[in-house]
Amino acid sequence: MAKNMREKTARIAENKDRRPRAVAKHVRISPYKVRVVLDIIRGKSYTQAVAILENTPKSASDPIKKVLMSAAANAENNLGMSKDNLFVAACYADQGPTLKRVMPRAQGRAFRILKRTSHITIVLDAKA
């Protein structure tokens, strides 16, 4: 039994994605709004993606820029890569926990307000 577990953990370690990444969890913005901006920077070089995010007038561009810069710092410090050779290999926004709030309405009723959160992930890679 232990031998199989050791072999399984060895296989998982071999196939683990070694590309630099950064994740921001519980960001208080809807994932639908984040995905619009992520679609713009997907596949772009690091410097081009930062320039796009600085000039995009969307509210999601600030947290995405923060995650992108964190991923680049991870690549530089942990893996010894240069920022000049990096590009956005994968980026996605998953839905986080939803905050449920109540808005009082007329005649004693209450409407539910869903305040959505998102988990933003950016994976970088070096140009070949």
C-alpha atoms as a PDB file:
ATOM      1  CA  MET A   1       0.000   0.000   0.000  1.00  0.00           C
ATOM      2  CA  ALA A   2       2.741   2.467   0.938  1.00  0.00           C
ATOM      3  CA  LYS A   3       4.684   1.640  -2.232  1.00  0.00           C
ATOM      4  CA  ASN A   4       1.713   2.591  -4.419  1.00  0.00           C
ATOM      5  CA  MET A   5       1.281   5.862  -2.557  1.00  0.00           C
ATOM      6  CA  ARG A   6       4.962   6.714  -2.989  1.00  0.00           C
ATOM      7  CA  GLU A   7       4.757   5.985  -6.711  1.00  0.00           C
ATOM      8  CA  LYS A   8       1.604   8.054  -7.039  1.00  0.00           C
ATOM      9  CA  THR A   9       3.154  11.066  -5.290  1.00  0.00           C
ATOM     10  CA  ALA A  10       6.234  10.709  -7.521  1.00  0.00           C
ATOM     11  CA  ARG A  11       4.031  10.757 -10.657  1.00  0.00           C
ATOM     12  CA  ILE A  12       2.168  13.826  -9.397  1.00  0.00           C
ATOM     13  CA  ALA A  13       5.453  15.595  -8.662  1.00  0.00           C
ATOM     14  CA  GLU A  14       6.723  14.846 -12.192  1.00  0.00           C
ATOM     15  CA  ASN A  15       3.628  16.246 -13.875  1.00  0.00           C
ATOM     16  CA  LYS A  16       3.277  19.288 -11.636  1.00  0.00           C
ATOM     17  CA  ASP A  17       3.104  22.536 -13.551  1.00  0.00           C
ATOM     18  CA  ARG A  18       6.412  24.310 -12.994  1.00  0.00           C
ATOM     19  CA  ARG A  19       5.409  27.578 -14.637  1.00  0.00           C
ATOM     20  CA  PRO A  20       5.296  30.700 -12.426  1.00  0.00           C
ATOM     21  CA  ARG A  21       1.824  31.567 -11.177  1.00  0.00           C
ATOM     22  CA  ALA A  22      -0.007  33.869  -8.820  1.00  0.00           C
ATOM     23  CA  VAL A  23      -3.497  33.612  -7.340  1.00  0.00           C
ATOM     24  CA  ALA A  24      -5.659  36.269  -5.698  1.00  0.00           C
ATOM     25  CA  LYS A  25      -8.553  34.823  -3.749  1.00  0.00           C
ATOM     26  CA  HIS A  26     -11.768  36.411  -2.502  1.00  0.00           C
ATOM     27  CA  VAL A  27     -11.439  39.513  -4.701  1.00  0.00           C
ATOM     28  CA  ARG A  28     -14.662  41.487  -4.243  1.00  0.00           C
ATOM     29  CA  ILE A  29     -15.591  41.791  -7.909  1.00  0.00           C
ATOM     30  CA  SER A  30     -17.776  39.581 -10.057  1.00  0.00           C
ATOM     31  CA  PRO A  31     -15.901  36.966 -12.112  1.00  0.00           C
ATOM     32  CA  TYR A  32     -17.911  37.983 -15.175  1.00  0.00           C
ATOM     33  CA  LYS A  33     -16.348  41.451 -15.029  1.00  0.00           C
ATOM     34  CA  VAL A  34     -12.875  40.022 -14.453  1.00  0.00           C
ATOM     35  CA  ARG A  35     -13.054  37.615 -17.410  1.00  0.00           C
ATOM     36  CA  VAL A  36     -13.627  40.508 -19.845  1.00  0.00           C
ATOM     37  CA  VAL A  37     -10.253  42.005 -18.916  1.00  0.00           C
ATOM     38  CA  LEU A  38      -8.469  38.637 -18.754  1.00  0.00           C
ATOM     39  CA  ASP A  39      -9.533  37.898 -22.330  1.00  0.00           C
ATOM     40  CA  ILE A  40      -7.694  41.053 -23.439  1.00  0.00           C
ATOM     41  CA  ILE A  41      -4.314  40.136 -21.905  1.00  0.00           C
ATOM     42  CA  ARG A  42      -4.292  36.382 -22.580  1.00  0.00           C
ATOM     43  CA  GLY A  43      -1.289  35.454 -24.759  1.00  0.00           C
ATOM     44  CA  LYS A  44       0.348  38.888 -24.558  1.00  0.00           C
ATOM     45  CA  SER A  45       3.887  39.534 -23.332  1.00  0.00           C
ATOM     46  CA  TYR A  46       4.346  40.691 -19.735  1.00  0.00           C
ATOM     47  CA  THR A  47       5.261  44.297 -20.585  1.00  0.00           C
ATOM     48  CA  GLN A  48       2.433  44.567 -23.109  1.00  0.00           C
ATOM     49  CA  ALA A  49      -0.082  43.137 -20.623  1.00  0.00           C
ATOM     50  CA  VAL A  50       0.975  45.618 -17.919  1.00  0.00           C
ATOM     51  CA  ALA A  51       0.620  48.498 -20.389  1.00  0.00           C
ATOM     52  CA  ILE A  52      -2.843  47.294 -21.416  1.00  0.00           C
ATOM     53  CA  LEU A  53      -3.973  46.987 -17.789  1.00  0.00           C
ATOM     54  CA  GLU A  54      -2.704  50.465 -16.913  1.00  0.00           C
ATOM     55  CA  ASN A  55      -4.763  51.980 -19.729  1.00  0.00           C
ATOM     56  CA  THR A  56      -7.934  49.891 -19.398  1.00  0.00           C
ATOM     57  CA  PRO A  57     -10.742  51.801 -17.630  1.00  0.00           C
ATOM     58  CA  LYS A  58     -12.287  48.700 -16.029  1.00  0.00           C
ATOM     59  CA  SER A  59     -12.500  48.181 -12.280  1.00  0.00           C
ATOM     60  CA  ALA A  60     -11.045  44.673 -12.642  1.00  0.00           C
ATOM     61  CA  SER A  61      -7.803  45.915 -14.185  1.00  0.00           C
ATOM     62  CA  ASP A  62      -6.250  46.946 -10.833  1.00  0.00           C
ATOM     63  CA  PRO A  63      -6.470  43.563  -9.062  1.00  0.00           C
ATOM     64  CA  ILE A  64      -5.466  41.759 -12.270  1.00  0.00           C
ATOM     65  CA  LYS A  65      -2.399  43.984 -12.627  1.00  0.00           C
ATOM     66  CA  LYS A  66      -1.481  43.220  -9.030  1.00  0.00           C
ATOM     67  CA  VAL A  67      -1.723  39.454  -9.649  1.00  0.00           C
ATOM     68  CA  LEU A  68       0.248  39.764 -12.906  1.00  0.00           C
ATOM     69  CA  MET A  69       3.072  41.636 -11.201  1.00  0.00           C
ATOM     70  CA  SER A  70       3.083  39.064  -8.392  1.00  0.00           C
ATOM     71  CA  ALA A  71       3.405  36.217 -10.910  1.00  0.00           C
ATOM     72  CA  ALA A  72       6.307  38.028 -12.588  1.00  0.00           C
ATOM     73  CA  ALA A  73       7.993  38.537  -9.217  1.00  0.00           C
ATOM     74  CA  ASN A  74       7.529  34.822  -8.469  1.00  0.00           C
ATOM     75  CA  ALA A  75       9.157  33.982 -11.810  1.00  0.00           C
ATOM     76  CA  GLU A  76      12.075  36.298 -11.141  1.00  0.00           C
ATOM     77  CA  ASN A  77      12.763  35.395  -7.506  1.00  0.00           C
ATOM     78  CA  ASN A  78      11.808  31.711  -7.315  1.00  0.00           C
ATOM     79  CA  LEU A  79      12.679  30.436 -10.782  1.00  0.00           C
ATOM     80  CA  GLY A  80      15.348  32.916 -11.971  1.00  0.00           C
ATOM     81  CA  MET A  81      13.454  33.977 -15.098  1.00  0.00           C
ATOM     82  CA  SER A  82      13.683  37.399 -16.713  1.00  0.00           C
ATOM     83  CA  LYS A  83      10.577  39.589 -16.968  1.00  0.00           C
ATOM     84  CA  ASP A  84      11.470  40.453 -20.555  1.00  0.00           C
ATOM     85  CA  ASN A  85      10.926  36.868 -21.744  1.00  0.00           C
ATOM     86  CA  LEU A  86       7.611  36.231 -19.975  1.00  0.00           C
ATOM     87  CA  PHE A  87       4.157  36.057 -21.512  1.00  0.00           C
ATOM     88  CA  VAL A  88       0.693  35.291 -20.125  1.00  0.00           C
ATOM     89  CA  ALA A  89       0.268  31.570 -20.824  1.00  0.00           C
ATOM     90  CA  ALA A  90      -3.031  31.108 -18.979  1.00  0.00           C
ATOM     91  CA  CYS A  91      -5.348  33.323 -16.985  1.00  0.00           C
ATOM     92  CA  TYR A  92      -8.759  32.609 -15.574  1.00  0.00           C
ATOM     93  CA  ALA A  93     -11.223  33.781 -12.940  1.00  0.00           C
ATOM     94  CA  ASP A  94     -13.194  31.278 -10.917  1.00  0.00           C
ATOM     95  CA  GLN A  95     -16.170  32.139  -8.767  1.00  0.00           C
ATOM     96  CA  GLY A  96     -15.474  32.482  -5.057  1.00  0.00           C
ATOM     97  CA  PRO A  97     -17.932  32.477  -2.181  1.00  0.00           C
ATOM     98  CA  THR A  98     -20.956  34.720  -2.649  1.00  0.00           C
ATOM     99  CA  LEU A  99     -21.897  37.186   0.072  1.00  0.00           C
ATOM    100  CA  LYS A 100     -25.646  37.207   0.575  1.00  0.00           C
ATOM    101  CA  ARG A 101     -27.195  40.494   1.661  1.00  0.00           C
ATOM    102  CA  VAL A 102     -30.792  41.660   2.089  1.00  0.00           C
ATOM    103  CA  MET A 103     -32.305  44.860   0.705  1.00  0.00           C
ATOM    104  CA  PRO A 104     -35.530  45.954   2.419  1.00  0.00           C
ATOM    105  CA  ARG A 105     -38.411  46.549   0.025  1.00  0.00           C
ATOM    106  CA  ALA A 106     -41.961  47.834   0.304  1.00  0.00           C
ATOM    107  CA  GLN A 107     -44.623  46.169   2.489  1.00  0.00           C
ATOM    108  CA  GLY A 108     -42.161  44.252   4.641  1.00  0.00           C
ATOM    109  CA  ARG A 109     -40.610  42.300   1.840  1.00  0.00           C
ATOM    110  CA  ALA A 110     -36.886  41.730   1.367  1.00  0.00           C
ATOM    111  CA  PHE A 111     -34.903  41.180  -1.810  1.00  0.00           C
ATOM    112  CA  ARG A 112     -31.645  39.270  -1.777  1.00  0.00           C
ATOM    113  CA  ILE A 113     -28.488  40.914  -3.088  1.00  0.00           C
ATOM    114  CA  LEU A 114     -25.667  38.601  -4.183  1.00  0.00           C
ATOM    115  CA  LYS A 115     -22.227  40.151  -3.803  1.00  0.00           C
ATOM    116  CA  ARG A 116     -19.973  37.913  -5.843  1.00  0.00           C
ATOM    117  CA  THR A 117     -16.277  37.289  -5.292  1.00  0.00           C
ATOM    118  CA  SER A 118     -13.699  35.751  -7.587  1.00  0.00           C
ATOM    119  CA  HIS A 119     -10.410  33.881  -7.498  1.00  0.00           C
ATOM    120  CA  ILE A 120      -8.032  35.274 -10.142  1.00  0.00           C
ATOM    121  CA  THR A 121      -5.200  33.029 -11.417  1.00  0.00           C
ATOM    122  CA  ILE A 122      -2.450  34.047 -13.825  1.00  0.00           C
ATOM    123  CA  VAL A 123       0.153  31.611 -15.169  1.00  0.00           C
ATOM    124  CA  LEU A 124       3.204  32.955 -16.991  1.00  0.00           C
ATOM    125  CA  ASP A 125       5.692  31.165 -19.222  1.00  0.00           C
ATOM    126  CA  ALA A 126       8.977  31.983 -20.957  1.00  0.00           C
ATOM    127  CA  LYS A 127       9.059  32.598 -24.693  1.00  0.00           C
ATOM    128  CA  ALA A 128      10.668  29.772 -26.607  1.00  0.00           C
END
